[in-house]
């Protein structure tokens, strides 16, 4: 996954699901997000 320091700094304070949806797109499933 494209998880650069810049992306993480920009999303600091957001929830993990919000970060993962932003990076992976809305097609990511809830099960994938949890894992």
ModelCIF file with pLDDT and N, C-alpha, C, O atoms, coordinates in Angstrom:
data_MODEL
#
_entry.id   MODEL 
#
_entity.id                         1 
_entity.type                       polymer 
_entity.pdbx_number_of_molecules   1 
#
_entity_poly.entity_id                      1 
_entity_poly.type                           'polypeptide(L)' 
_entity_poly.nstd_linkage                   no 
_entity_poly.nstd_monomer                   no 
_entity_poly.pdbx_seq_one_letter_code       
;(UNK)(UNK)(UNK)(UNK)(UNK)(UNK)(UNK)(UNK)(UNK)(UNK)(UNK)(UNK)(UNK)(UNK)(UNK)(UNK)
(UNK)(UNK)(UNK)(UNK)(UNK)(UNK)(UNK)(UNK)(UNK)(UNK)(UNK)(UNK)(UNK)(UNK)(UNK)(UNK)
(UNK)(UNK)(UNK)
;
_entity_poly.pdbx_seq_one_letter_code_can   XXXXXXXXXXXXXXXXXXXXXXXXXXXXXXXXXXX 
_entity_poly.pdbx_strand_id                 A 
#
loop_
_entity_poly_seq.entity_id 
_entity_poly_seq.num 
_entity_poly_seq.mon_id 
_entity_poly_seq.hetero 
1 1  UNK n 
1 2  UNK n 
1 3  UNK n 
1 4  UNK n 
1 5  UNK n 
1 6  UNK n 
1 7  UNK n 
1 8  UNK n 
1 9  UNK n 
1 10 UNK n 
1 11 UNK n 
1 12 UNK n 
1 13 UNK n 
1 14 UNK n 
1 15 UNK n 
1 16 UNK n 
1 17 UNK n 
1 18 UNK n 
1 19 UNK n 
1 20 UNK n 
1 21 UNK n 
1 22 UNK n 
1 23 UNK n 
1 24 UNK n 
1 25 UNK n 
1 26 UNK n 
1 27 UNK n 
1 28 UNK n 
1 29 UNK n 
1 30 UNK n 
1 31 UNK n 
1 32 UNK n 
1 33 UNK n 
1 34 UNK n 
1 35 UNK n 
#
_struct_asym.id          A 
_struct_asym.entity_id   1 
#
loop_
_ma_qa_metric.id 
_ma_qa_metric.mode 
_ma_qa_metric.name 
_ma_qa_metric.software_group_id 
_ma_qa_metric.type 
1 global pLDDT . pLDDT 
2 local  pLDDT . pLDDT 
#
_ma_qa_metric_global.metric_id      1 
_ma_qa_metric_global.metric_value   87.94 
_ma_qa_metric_global.model_id       1 
_ma_qa_metric_global.ordinal_id     1 
#
loop_
_ma_qa_metric_local.label_asym_id 
_ma_qa_metric_local.label_comp_id 
_ma_qa_metric_local.label_seq_id 
_ma_qa_metric_local.metric_id 
_ma_qa_metric_local.metric_value 
_ma_qa_metric_local.model_id 
_ma_qa_metric_local.ordinal_id 
A UNK 1  2 91.00 1 1  
A UNK 2  2 86.00 1 2  
A UNK 3  2 88.00 1 3  
A UNK 4  2 83.00 1 4  
A UNK 5  2 80.00 1 5  
A UNK 6  2 83.00 1 6  
A UNK 7  2 85.00 1 7  
A UNK 8  2 81.00 1 8  
A UNK 9  2 80.00 1 9  
A UNK 10 2 82.00 1 10 
A UNK 11 2 83.00 1 11 
A UNK 12 2 74.00 1 12 
A UNK 13 2 68.00 1 13 
A UNK 14 2 79.00 1 14 
A UNK 15 2 79.00 1 15 
A UNK 16 2 86.00 1 16 
A UNK 17 2 88.00 1 17 
A UNK 18 2 88.00 1 18 
A UNK 19 2 91.00 1 19 
A UNK 20 2 94.00 1 20 
A UNK 21 2 93.00 1 21 
A UNK 22 2 92.00 1 22 
A UNK 23 2 91.00 1 23 
A UNK 24 2 92.00 1 24 
A UNK 25 2 92.00 1 25 
A UNK 26 2 89.00 1 26 
A UNK 27 2 93.00 1 27 
A UNK 28 2 95.00 1 28 
A UNK 29 2 96.00 1 29 
A UNK 30 2 95.00 1 30 
A UNK 31 2 97.00 1 31 
A UNK 32 2 97.00 1 32 
A UNK 33 2 95.00 1 33 
A UNK 34 2 95.00 1 34 
A UNK 35 2 97.00 1 35 
#
loop_
_atom_site.group_PDB 
_atom_site.id 
_atom_site.type_symbol 
_atom_site.label_atom_id 
_atom_site.label_alt_id 
_atom_site.label_comp_id 
_atom_site.label_asym_id 
_atom_site.label_entity_id 
_atom_site.label_seq_id 
_atom_site.pdbx_PDB_ins_code 
_atom_site.Cartn_x 
_atom_site.Cartn_y 
_atom_site.Cartn_z 
_atom_site.occupancy 
_atom_site.B_iso_or_equiv 
_atom_site.pdbx_formal_charge 
_atom_site.auth_seq_id 
_atom_site.auth_comp_id 
_atom_site.auth_asym_id 
_atom_site.auth_atom_id 
_atom_site.pdbx_PDB_model_num 
ATOM 1   N N  . UNK A 1 1  ? 0.841   -1.195 0.000  1.00 91.00 ? 1  UNK A N  1 
ATOM 2   C CA . UNK A 1 1  ? 0.000   0.000  0.000  1.00 91.00 ? 1  UNK A CA 1 
ATOM 3   C C  . UNK A 1 1  ? 0.879   1.248  0.000  1.00 91.00 ? 1  UNK A C  1 
ATOM 4   O O  . UNK A 1 1  ? 2.006   1.225  0.494  1.00 91.00 ? 1  UNK A O  1 
ATOM 5   N N  . UNK A 1 2  ? 0.350   2.342  -0.561 1.00 86.00 ? 2  UNK A N  1 
ATOM 6   C CA . UNK A 1 2  ? 1.092   3.603  -0.675 1.00 86.00 ? 2  UNK A CA 1 
ATOM 7   C C  . UNK A 1 2  ? 0.965   4.391  0.617  1.00 86.00 ? 2  UNK A C  1 
ATOM 8   O O  . UNK A 1 2  ? 0.165   5.322  0.710  1.00 86.00 ? 2  UNK A O  1 
ATOM 9   N N  . UNK A 1 3  ? 1.760   4.014  1.617  1.00 88.00 ? 3  UNK A N  1 
ATOM 10  C CA . UNK A 1 3  ? 1.690   4.639  2.932  1.00 88.00 ? 3  UNK A CA 1 
ATOM 11  C C  . UNK A 1 3  ? 3.012   5.356  3.219  1.00 88.00 ? 3  UNK A C  1 
ATOM 12  O O  . UNK A 1 3  ? 3.856   4.862  3.967  1.00 88.00 ? 3  UNK A O  1 
ATOM 13  N N  . UNK A 1 4  ? 3.169   6.527  2.612  1.00 83.00 ? 4  UNK A N  1 
ATOM 14  C CA . UNK A 1 4  ? 4.381   7.316  2.772  1.00 83.00 ? 4  UNK A CA 1 
ATOM 15  C C  . UNK A 1 4  ? 4.293   8.146  4.055  1.00 83.00 ? 4  UNK A C  1 
ATOM 16  O O  . UNK A 1 4  ? 3.196   8.347  4.576  1.00 83.00 ? 4  UNK A O  1 
ATOM 17  N N  . UNK A 1 5  ? 5.430   8.633  4.576  1.00 80.00 ? 5  UNK A N  1 
ATOM 18  C CA . UNK A 1 5  ? 5.388   9.519  5.750  1.00 80.00 ? 5  UNK A CA 1 
ATOM 19  C C  . UNK A 1 5  ? 4.520   10.753 5.522  1.00 80.00 ? 5  UNK A C  1 
ATOM 20  O O  . UNK A 1 5  ? 3.849   11.227 6.439  1.00 80.00 ? 5  UNK A O  1 
ATOM 21  N N  . UNK A 1 6  ? 4.536   11.268 4.295  1.00 83.00 ? 6  UNK A N  1 
ATOM 22  C CA . UNK A 1 6  ? 3.728   12.461 3.986  1.00 83.00 ? 6  UNK A CA 1 
ATOM 23  C C  . UNK A 1 6  ? 2.238   12.174 4.141  1.00 83.00 ? 6  UNK A C  1 
ATOM 24  O O  . UNK A 1 6  ? 1.498   12.976 4.710  1.00 83.00 ? 6  UNK A O  1 
ATOM 25  N N  . UNK A 1 7  ? 1.806   11.024 3.630  1.00 85.00 ? 7  UNK A N  1 
ATOM 26  C CA . UNK A 1 7  ? 0.393   10.644 3.735  1.00 85.00 ? 7  UNK A CA 1 
ATOM 27  C C  . UNK A 1 7  ? 0.000   10.469 5.193  1.00 85.00 ? 7  UNK A C  1 
ATOM 28  O O  . UNK A 1 7  ? -1.064  10.923 5.614  1.00 85.00 ? 7  UNK A O  1 
ATOM 29  N N  . UNK A 1 8  ? 0.858   9.812  5.963  1.00 81.00 ? 8  UNK A N  1 
ATOM 30  C CA . UNK A 1 8  ? 0.546   9.561  7.362  1.00 81.00 ? 8  UNK A CA 1 
ATOM 31  C C  . UNK A 1 8  ? 0.498   10.853 8.162  1.00 81.00 ? 8  UNK A C  1 
ATOM 32  O O  . UNK A 1 8  ? -0.358  11.010 9.032  1.00 81.00 ? 8  UNK A O  1 
ATOM 33  N N  . UNK A 1 9  ? 1.408   11.782 7.876  1.00 80.00 ? 9  UNK A N  1 
ATOM 34  C CA . UNK A 1 9  ? 1.376   13.067 8.577  1.00 80.00 ? 9  UNK A CA 1 
ATOM 35  C C  . UNK A 1 9  ? 0.096   13.826 8.256  1.00 80.00 ? 9  UNK A C  1 
ATOM 36  O O  . UNK A 1 9  ? -0.512  14.428 9.141  1.00 80.00 ? 9  UNK A O  1 
ATOM 37  N N  . UNK A 1 10 ? -0.309  13.799 7.004  1.00 82.00 ? 10 UNK A N  1 
ATOM 38  C CA . UNK A 1 10 ? -1.512  14.509 6.582  1.00 82.00 ? 10 UNK A CA 1 
ATOM 39  C C  . UNK A 1 10 ? -2.773  13.924 7.211  1.00 82.00 ? 10 UNK A C  1 
ATOM 40  O O  . UNK A 1 10 ? -3.759  14.637 7.398  1.00 82.00 ? 10 UNK A O  1 
ATOM 41  N N  . UNK A 1 11 ? -2.749  12.647 7.534  1.00 83.00 ? 11 UNK A N  1 
ATOM 42  C CA . UNK A 1 11 ? -3.934  11.979 8.067  1.00 83.00 ? 11 UNK A CA 1 
ATOM 43  C C  . UNK A 1 11 ? -3.836  11.745 9.566  1.00 83.00 ? 11 UNK A C  1 
ATOM 44  O O  . UNK A 1 11 ? -4.692  11.073 10.140 1.00 83.00 ? 11 UNK A O  1 
ATOM 45  N N  . UNK A 1 12 ? -2.802  12.290 10.215 1.00 74.00 ? 12 UNK A N  1 
ATOM 46  C CA . UNK A 1 12 ? -2.611  12.069 11.645 1.00 74.00 ? 12 UNK A CA 1 
ATOM 47  C C  . UNK A 1 12 ? -3.823  12.593 12.402 1.00 74.00 ? 12 UNK A C  1 
ATOM 48  O O  . UNK A 1 12 ? -4.254  13.724 12.180 1.00 74.00 ? 12 UNK A O  1 
ATOM 49  N N  . UNK A 1 13 ? -4.374  11.776 13.296 1.00 68.00 ? 13 UNK A N  1 
ATOM 50  C CA . UNK A 1 13 ? -5.572  12.145 14.047 1.00 68.00 ? 13 UNK A CA 1 
ATOM 51  C C  . UNK A 1 13 ? -6.831  11.511 13.497 1.00 68.00 ? 13 UNK A C  1 
ATOM 52  O O  . UNK A 1 13 ? -7.848  11.454 14.188 1.00 68.00 ? 13 UNK A O  1 
ATOM 53  N N  . UNK A 1 14 ? -6.782  11.029 12.254 1.00 79.00 ? 14 UNK A N  1 
ATOM 54  C CA . UNK A 1 14 ? -7.914  10.328 11.669 1.00 79.00 ? 14 UNK A CA 1 
ATOM 55  C C  . UNK A 1 14 ? -7.937  8.884  12.159 1.00 79.00 ? 14 UNK A C  1 
ATOM 56  O O  . UNK A 1 14 ? -6.919  8.365  12.616 1.00 79.00 ? 14 UNK A O  1 
ATOM 57  N N  . UNK A 1 15 ? -9.090  8.242  12.065 1.00 79.00 ? 15 UNK A N  1 
ATOM 58  C CA . UNK A 1 15 ? -9.177  6.842  12.451 1.00 79.00 ? 15 UNK A CA 1 
ATOM 59  C C  . UNK A 1 15 ? -8.500  5.960  11.411 1.00 79.00 ? 15 UNK A C  1 
ATOM 60  O O  . UNK A 1 15 ? -8.351  6.352  10.254 1.00 79.00 ? 15 UNK A O  1 
ATOM 61  N N  . UNK A 1 16 ? -8.095  4.773  11.831 1.00 86.00 ? 16 UNK A N  1 
ATOM 62  C CA . UNK A 1 16 ? -7.497  3.831  10.896 1.00 86.00 ? 16 UNK A CA 1 
ATOM 63  C C  . UNK A 1 16 ? -8.410  3.533  9.706  1.00 86.00 ? 16 UNK A C  1 
ATOM 64  O O  . UNK A 1 16 ? -7.937  3.559  8.570  1.00 86.00 ? 16 UNK A O  1 
ATOM 65  N N  . UNK A 1 17 ? -9.707  3.250  9.921  1.00 88.00 ? 17 UNK A N  1 
ATOM 66  C CA . UNK A 1 17 ? -10.578 3.000  8.769  1.00 88.00 ? 17 UNK A CA 1 
ATOM 67  C C  . UNK A 1 17 ? -10.605 4.169  7.787  1.00 88.00 ? 17 UNK A C  1 
ATOM 68  O O  . UNK A 1 17 ? -10.617 3.964  6.573  1.00 88.00 ? 17 UNK A O  1 
ATOM 69  N N  . UNK A 1 18 ? -10.616 5.396  8.313  1.00 88.00 ? 18 UNK A N  1 
ATOM 70  C CA . UNK A 1 18 ? -10.642 6.562  7.420  1.00 88.00 ? 18 UNK A CA 1 
ATOM 71  C C  . UNK A 1 18 ? -9.352  6.646  6.609  1.00 88.00 ? 18 UNK A C  1 
ATOM 72  O O  . UNK A 1 18 ? -9.385  6.944  5.415  1.00 88.00 ? 18 UNK A O  1 
ATOM 73  N N  . UNK A 1 19 ? -8.220  6.384  7.256  1.00 91.00 ? 19 UNK A N  1 
ATOM 74  C CA . UNK A 1 19 ? -6.932  6.417  6.557  1.00 91.00 ? 19 UNK A CA 1 
ATOM 75  C C  . UNK A 1 19 ? -6.874  5.334  5.495  1.00 91.00 ? 19 UNK A C  1 
ATOM 76  O O  . UNK A 1 19 ? -6.453  5.585  4.366  1.00 91.00 ? 19 UNK A O  1 
ATOM 77  N N  . UNK A 1 20 ? -7.294  4.135  5.854  1.00 94.00 ? 20 UNK A N  1 
ATOM 78  C CA . UNK A 1 20 ? -7.220  3.014  4.917  1.00 94.00 ? 20 UNK A CA 1 
ATOM 79  C C  . UNK A 1 20 ? -8.153  3.212  3.729  1.00 94.00 ? 20 UNK A C  1 
ATOM 80  O O  . UNK A 1 20 ? -7.808  2.856  2.603  1.00 94.00 ? 20 UNK A O  1 
ATOM 81  N N  . UNK A 1 21 ? -9.329  3.777  3.974  1.00 93.00 ? 21 UNK A N  1 
ATOM 82  C CA . UNK A 1 21 ? -10.247 4.049  2.851  1.00 93.00 ? 21 UNK A CA 1 
ATOM 83  C C  . UNK A 1 21 ? -9.670  5.127  1.949  1.00 93.00 ? 21 UNK A C  1 
ATOM 84  O O  . UNK A 1 21 ? -9.818  5.063  0.729  1.00 93.00 ? 21 UNK A O  1 
ATOM 85  N N  . UNK A 1 22 ? -9.015  6.117  2.543  1.00 92.00 ? 22 UNK A N  1 
ATOM 86  C CA . UNK A 1 22 ? -8.422  7.185  1.750  1.00 92.00 ? 22 UNK A CA 1 
ATOM 87  C C  . UNK A 1 22 ? -7.308  6.636  0.865  1.00 92.00 ? 22 UNK A C  1 
ATOM 88  O O  . UNK A 1 22 ? -7.189  7.029  -0.296 1.00 92.00 ? 22 UNK A O  1 
ATOM 89  N N  . UNK A 1 23 ? -6.495  5.736  1.400  1.00 91.00 ? 23 UNK A N  1 
ATOM 90  C CA . UNK A 1 23 ? -5.352  5.199  0.663  1.00 91.00 ? 23 UNK A CA 1 
ATOM 91  C C  . UNK A 1 23 ? -5.777  4.109  -0.321 1.00 91.00 ? 23 UNK A C  1 
ATOM 92  O O  . UNK A 1 23 ? -5.313  4.079  -1.461 1.00 91.00 ? 23 UNK A O  1 
ATOM 93  N N  . UNK A 1 24 ? -6.659  3.216  0.126  1.00 92.00 ? 24 UNK A N  1 
ATOM 94  C CA . UNK A 1 24 ? -7.013  2.044  -0.687 1.00 92.00 ? 24 UNK A CA 1 
ATOM 95  C C  . UNK A 1 24 ? -8.238  2.260  -1.556 1.00 92.00 ? 24 UNK A C  1 
ATOM 96  O O  . UNK A 1 24 ? -8.463  1.503  -2.501 1.00 92.00 ? 24 UNK A O  1 
ATOM 97  N N  . UNK A 1 25 ? -9.037  3.282  -1.254 1.00 92.00 ? 25 UNK A N  1 
ATOM 98  C CA . UNK A 1 25 ? -10.256 3.499  -2.023 1.00 92.00 ? 25 UNK A CA 1 
ATOM 99  C C  . UNK A 1 25 ? -11.460 2.853  -1.362 1.00 92.00 ? 25 UNK A C  1 
ATOM 100 O O  . UNK A 1 25 ? -11.316 2.025  -0.462 1.00 92.00 ? 25 UNK A O  1 
ATOM 101 N N  . UNK A 1 26 ? -12.624 3.226  -1.804 1.00 89.00 ? 26 UNK A N  1 
ATOM 102 C CA . UNK A 1 26 ? -13.862 2.767  -1.174 1.00 89.00 ? 26 UNK A CA 1 
ATOM 103 C C  . UNK A 1 26 ? -14.168 1.296  -1.445 1.00 89.00 ? 26 UNK A C  1 
ATOM 104 O O  . UNK A 1 26 ? -15.104 0.746  -0.866 1.00 89.00 ? 26 UNK A O  1 
ATOM 105 N N  . UNK A 1 27 ? -13.392 0.650  -2.319 1.00 93.00 ? 27 UNK A N  1 
ATOM 106 C CA . UNK A 1 27 ? -13.655 -0.764 -2.593 1.00 93.00 ? 27 UNK A CA 1 
ATOM 107 C C  . UNK A 1 27 ? -13.130 -1.678 -1.487 1.00 93.00 ? 27 UNK A C  1 
ATOM 108 O O  . UNK A 1 27 ? -13.482 -2.857 -1.444 1.00 93.00 ? 27 UNK A O  1 
ATOM 109 N N  . UNK A 1 28 ? -12.295 -1.148 -0.597 1.00 95.00 ? 28 UNK A N  1 
ATOM 110 C CA . UNK A 1 28 ? -11.777 -1.963 0.486  1.00 95.00 ? 28 UNK A CA 1 
ATOM 111 C C  . UNK A 1 28 ? -12.923 -2.396 1.399  1.00 95.00 ? 28 UNK A C  1 
ATOM 112 O O  . UNK A 1 28 ? -13.807 -1.598 1.710  1.00 95.00 ? 28 UNK A O  1 
ATOM 113 N N  . UNK A 1 29 ? -12.907 -3.651 1.826  1.00 96.00 ? 29 UNK A N  1 
ATOM 114 C CA . UNK A 1 29 ? -14.006 -4.175 2.631  1.00 96.00 ? 29 UNK A CA 1 
ATOM 115 C C  . UNK A 1 29 ? -13.770 -3.918 4.117  1.00 96.00 ? 29 UNK A C  1 
ATOM 116 O O  . UNK A 1 29 ? -12.650 -3.639 4.545  1.00 96.00 ? 29 UNK A O  1 
ATOM 117 N N  . UNK A 1 30 ? -14.842 -4.017 4.890  1.00 95.00 ? 30 UNK A N  1 
ATOM 118 C CA . UNK A 1 30 ? -14.720 -3.833 6.338  1.00 95.00 ? 30 UNK A CA 1 
ATOM 119 C C  . UNK A 1 30 ? -13.795 -4.880 6.946  1.00 95.00 ? 30 UNK A C  1 
ATOM 120 O O  . UNK A 1 30 ? -13.030 -4.584 7.864  1.00 95.00 ? 30 UNK A O  1 
ATOM 121 N N  . UNK A 1 31 ? -13.867 -6.101 6.434  1.00 97.00 ? 31 UNK A N  1 
ATOM 122 C CA . UNK A 1 31 ? -13.003 -7.166 6.954  1.00 97.00 ? 31 UNK A CA 1 
ATOM 123 C C  . UNK A 1 31 ? -11.537 -6.866 6.657  1.00 97.00 ? 31 UNK A C  1 
ATOM 124 O O  . UNK A 1 31 ? -10.673 -7.088 7.506  1.00 97.00 ? 31 UNK A O  1 
ATOM 125 N N  . UNK A 1 32 ? -11.257 -6.367 5.466  1.00 97.00 ? 32 UNK A N  1 
ATOM 126 C CA . UNK A 1 32 ? -9.888  -6.004 5.122  1.00 97.00 ? 32 UNK A CA 1 
ATOM 127 C C  . UNK A 1 32 ? -9.398  -4.853 5.988  1.00 97.00 ? 32 UNK A C  1 
ATOM 128 O O  . UNK A 1 32 ? -8.250  -4.853 6.431  1.00 97.00 ? 32 UNK A O  1 
ATOM 129 N N  . UNK A 1 33 ? -10.257 -3.877 6.229  1.00 95.00 ? 33 UNK A N  1 
ATOM 130 C CA . UNK A 1 33 ? -9.890  -2.746 7.084  1.00 95.00 ? 33 UNK A CA 1 
ATOM 131 C C  . UNK A 1 33 ? -9.562  -3.221 8.492  1.00 95.00 ? 33 UNK A C  1 
ATOM 132 O O  . UNK A 1 33 ? -8.566  -2.793 9.077  1.00 95.00 ? 33 UNK A O  1 
ATOM 133 N N  . UNK A 1 34 ? -10.390 -4.100 9.038  1.00 95.00 ? 34 UNK A N  1 
ATOM 134 C CA . UNK A 1 34 ? -10.155 -4.604 10.394 1.00 95.00 ? 34 UNK A CA 1 
ATOM 135 C C  . UNK A 1 34 ? -8.830  -5.348 10.484 1.00 95.00 ? 34 UNK A C  1 
ATOM 136 O O  . UNK A 1 34 ? -8.076  -5.174 11.441 1.00 95.00 ? 34 UNK A O  1 
ATOM 137 N N  . UNK A 1 35 ? -8.551  -6.172 9.491  1.00 97.00 ? 35 UNK A N  1 
ATOM 138 C CA . UNK A 1 35 ? -7.305  -6.946 9.491  1.00 97.00 ? 35 UNK A CA 1 
ATOM 139 C C  . UNK A 1 35 ? -6.087  -6.024 9.376  1.00 97.00 ? 35 UNK A C  1 
ATOM 140 O O  . UNK A 1 35 ? -4.952  -6.500 9.360  1.00 97.00 ? 35 UNK A O  1 
#
